[in-house]
Amino acid sequence: MYYEFYIDQFFVEHLLTGYLLMRLTVKISRADISWKRVLAGSFVNTVTMMLAICAGVSWWYFSGLLLAGAFLFAGKTWKNLINGMISLLLVTICFGGMLEAILGLWGLPPVLGAIFAAVLVEAANTYREKQRLQMERIVEIKLTFLEKTASVCGMIDTGNQLTEPLTGRPVSIVEETAVKALLGDGWEARRGFYLIPYHSLGKDKGWMKGVLIDQMVVGKGERAAVILKPLLALYNGEVSTGKQYQMILHPQHAAPGKIEGGE
């Protein structure tokens, strides 16, 4: 039995596929590698696979991937090299599975299928990174008011620049129901309150009551931020659609160390 082997077509298809694979790997591993080096790594992989086919040695297929990965991450630390090789292996598995599914379901040409598979894998990674970053910004917060304490989950939001207009104090936003037991009934008469204007949270404009509590501890350990007399705005609703957190922190309320939040 004989097969026709178009070496030029094989070279172009695998050069493109290898480039897409390695570009995804570089992005996922956050490595500082130029596109020229990525293309050269794909060239090494393609040439090795062509030699493997011509020699009839199947295990060379995998050596091509190893050589390309070693070339791609050459000059990096051993830790970065190992992480890069693992990333390349995982991307190859995900990409290969996605490509097989696309070709099987829609019968696209291999080149178009490879591009489509790369787009889907990259989109999945972008979504995963977005979720990871959001989870890293969610912290445990301990609130103290008149010798009572309560714990809530908060998200550090660099876009929250809400301040009290008269004093310029930074303001963190908390769900009113999350601190209702902490503040107790009639807290306004005991401590007094601020009126804080806002222009978001589902409304064009409005007012929130603000309360100056005794202390707020954001996070744990050496990275914890301890804020004395922070100003909190009470929001009548949910600040997180997925109920992942009950508080939106002002960036100044998340800096490690001990600060006076009421100044």
Foldseek 3Di string as FASTA:
>chain_A
DDDDDDLVVLLVLQLLLQLLLLVLLCVLLVPPFDSVQSSVLSNQLSVQVVVCVVVVPVVSNVVSLVSSLCSRQPPHDPVSSVSSSVSSVVSCVQLVVQLVVCCVPPVDPSNVSSVVSSVVVSVVSVVVVVVVVFVVQKWKKWFAAPNDIAIWIEGEDQPQCFAQVPPRFREKEFECVRCDVVCDPPNCVVFNWGWGWDCDPPHRIDTFTKGFGAWMWIHDDQQIEIEGRAIYTHDHDAPDPVPPTGMYDHNVRRGGDYDYRVD
